[in-house]
Amino acid sequence: MSSKPRNNHSAKGPSQRQLRVGETLRHALSDILFREDFFDPDLENVSITISEISISPDLGNARVYTMPLGGVNVEVVLPALNRLAPKIQSMVAQRVQLRRAPRLKFLLDESFENAARMNILFNALHQDK
């Protein structure tokens, strides 16, 4: 668990274009992961949440922050997604109108876990009063 910020863009943050492309990719990826069958036993009957996509300034790379539903089998699902990334990227290219589809890198979204941990801490503080 790193405490590094998700994007390493300049202090002013991602551009409007990066945000727009990221959101378009998020919708396309969600649809692909929901509707397509990849014939991969590691992804069989797995629901995947895509919470955010961080796009590089040149739009060539995309970090896809994801979490299997309930956080189950993360150690199996994430490698499967990265193994299938070229195929998924090709499907994205067919649905999203860009000069070239960005390379996809699937990463674990730790924000759900961090939020749950913070909630426990806040509840503990509240009970101590």
Protein backbone atom coordinates (compact mmCIF):
# COMPACT_ATOMS: atom_id res chain seq x y z
CA MET A 1 0.00 0.00 0.00
CA SER A 2 1.68 3.13 -1.18
CA SER A 3 0.84 6.63 -0.19
CA LYS A 4 1.90 8.05 -3.55
CA PRO A 5 -0.71 10.07 -5.40
CA ARG A 6 -2.43 8.25 -8.22
CA ASN A 7 -1.24 10.53 -10.96
CA ASN A 8 2.19 11.98 -11.29
CA HIS A 9 1.15 14.86 -13.50
CA SER A 10 2.14 18.42 -12.78
CA ALA A 11 0.74 20.18 -9.74
CA LYS A 12 -2.18 21.53 -11.74
CA GLY A 13 -3.46 18.00 -12.43
CA PRO A 14 -4.73 16.27 -15.53
CA SER A 15 -6.06 18.27 -18.47
CA GLN A 16 -9.72 18.36 -19.45
CA ARG A 17 -8.86 16.12 -22.42
CA GLN A 18 -7.22 13.55 -20.15
CA LEU A 19 -10.24 13.57 -17.85
CA ARG A 20 -12.67 13.28 -20.76
CA VAL A 21 -10.72 10.42 -22.39
CA GLY A 22 -10.37 8.66 -19.03
CA GLU A 23 -14.10 8.80 -18.41
CA THR A 24 -14.86 7.60 -21.96
CA LEU A 25 -12.45 4.70 -21.48
CA ARG A 26 -13.98 3.88 -18.10
CA HIS A 27 -17.43 3.55 -19.66
CA ALA A 28 -16.11 1.45 -22.56
CA LEU A 29 -14.11 -0.83 -20.24
CA SER A 30 -17.03 -1.27 -17.86
CA ASP A 31 -19.22 -2.30 -20.78
CA ILE A 32 -16.57 -4.67 -22.16
CA LEU A 33 -15.93 -6.35 -18.81
CA PHE A 34 -19.66 -6.68 -18.20
CA ARG A 35 -20.70 -8.00 -21.62
CA GLU A 36 -17.72 -9.88 -23.04
CA ASP A 37 -16.67 -13.42 -22.21
CA PHE A 38 -12.91 -13.78 -22.22
CA PHE A 39 -12.95 -17.55 -21.73
CA ASP A 40 -10.51 -17.13 -18.88
CA PRO A 41 -11.25 -19.22 -15.80
CA ASP A 42 -9.73 -16.53 -13.57
CA LEU A 43 -12.39 -14.04 -14.71
CA GLU A 44 -15.33 -16.44 -14.78
CA ASN A 45 -18.29 -15.15 -12.74
CA VAL A 46 -16.28 -12.17 -11.46
CA SER A 47 -17.78 -8.70 -11.24
CA ILE A 48 -15.18 -5.97 -11.58
CA THR A 49 -15.52 -2.34 -10.54
CA ILE A 50 -13.51 0.26 -12.43
CA SER A 51 -13.32 3.28 -10.20
CA GLU A 52 -10.90 5.51 -12.08
CA ILE A 53 -8.67 5.69 -15.12
CA SER A 54 -5.59 7.87 -15.07
CA ILE A 55 -4.34 8.80 -18.55
CA SER A 56 -0.79 9.91 -19.33
CA PRO A 57 -0.46 13.40 -20.88
CA ASP A 58 0.30 11.91 -24.32
CA LEU A 59 -2.80 9.64 -24.01
CA GLY A 60 -0.55 6.63 -24.69
CA ASN A 61 -0.92 4.87 -21.35
CA ALA A 62 -3.82 4.34 -19.01
CA ARG A 63 -3.74 3.14 -15.43
CA VAL A 64 -7.03 1.40 -14.70
CA TYR A 65 -7.86 1.34 -10.99
CA THR A 66 -10.07 -1.65 -10.40
CA MET A 67 -11.43 -3.91 -7.68
CA PRO A 68 -13.22 -7.25 -7.94
CA LEU A 69 -16.61 -7.12 -6.24
CA GLY A 70 -16.10 -7.66 -2.54
CA GLY A 71 -12.32 -7.62 -2.99
CA VAL A 72 -12.40 -11.37 -3.61
CA ASN A 73 -9.55 -13.13 -5.48
CA VAL A 74 -7.61 -9.93 -6.18
CA GLU A 75 -4.38 -11.92 -6.45
CA VAL A 76 -5.91 -13.92 -9.33
CA VAL A 77 -8.13 -11.35 -11.06
CA LEU A 78 -5.57 -8.54 -11.43
CA PRO A 79 -2.93 -10.69 -13.18
CA ALA A 80 -5.67 -12.11 -15.44
CA LEU A 81 -6.76 -8.60 -16.45
CA ASN A 82 -3.17 -7.58 -17.19
CA ARG A 83 -2.62 -10.78 -19.15
CA LEU A 84 -5.70 -9.96 -21.26
CA ALA A 85 -4.88 -6.23 -21.49
CA PRO A 86 -3.85 -6.35 -25.18
CA LYS A 87 -7.12 -8.06 -26.14
CA ILE A 88 -9.16 -5.65 -24.00
CA GLN A 89 -7.21 -2.73 -25.50
CA SER A 90 -8.18 -3.93 -28.98
CA MET A 91 -11.85 -4.06 -27.95
CA VAL A 92 -11.58 -0.54 -26.51
CA ALA A 93 -10.06 0.69 -29.79
CA GLN A 94 -13.14 -0.57 -31.64
CA ARG A 95 -15.50 1.36 -29.34
CA VAL A 96 -13.64 4.60 -28.63
CA GLN A 97 -12.61 6.98 -31.37
CA LEU A 98 -8.98 7.85 -30.65
CA ARG A 99 -5.93 7.88 -32.91
CA ARG A 100 -4.66 4.96 -30.91
CA ALA A 101 -5.96 3.18 -27.87
CA PRO A 102 -3.77 3.67 -24.80
CA ARG A 103 -1.87 0.73 -23.32
CA LEU A 104 -3.83 -0.51 -20.33
CA LYS A 105 -2.31 -1.34 -16.96
CA PHE A 106 -4.75 -2.71 -14.39
CA LEU A 107 -3.99 -1.77 -10.78
CA LEU A 108 -5.73 -2.49 -7.51
CA ASP A 109 -7.87 0.38 -6.27
CA GLU A 110 -7.06 0.66 -2.60
CA SER A 111 -9.43 3.56 -1.97
CA PHE A 112 -12.26 1.23 -0.85
CA GLU A 113 -9.96 -0.44 1.68
CA ASN A 114 -8.60 2.91 2.85
CA ALA A 115 -12.13 4.30 3.28
CA ALA A 116 -13.17 1.28 5.33
CA ARG A 117 -10.07 1.60 7.52
CA MET A 118 -10.75 5.32 8.07
CA ASN A 119 -14.37 4.57 8.92
CA ILE A 120 -13.24 2.10 11.60
CA LEU A 121 -10.86 4.71 13.04
CA PHE A 122 -13.55 7.42 13.08
CA ASN A 123 -16.01 5.07 14.76
CA ALA A 124 -13.39 4.17 17.38
CA LEU A 125 -12.77 7.88 18.05
CA HIS A 126 -16.49 8.52 18.34
CA GLN A 127 -16.94 5.68 20.83
CA ASP A 128 -14.08 6.98 22.99
CA LYS A 129 -15.93 10.27 23.64
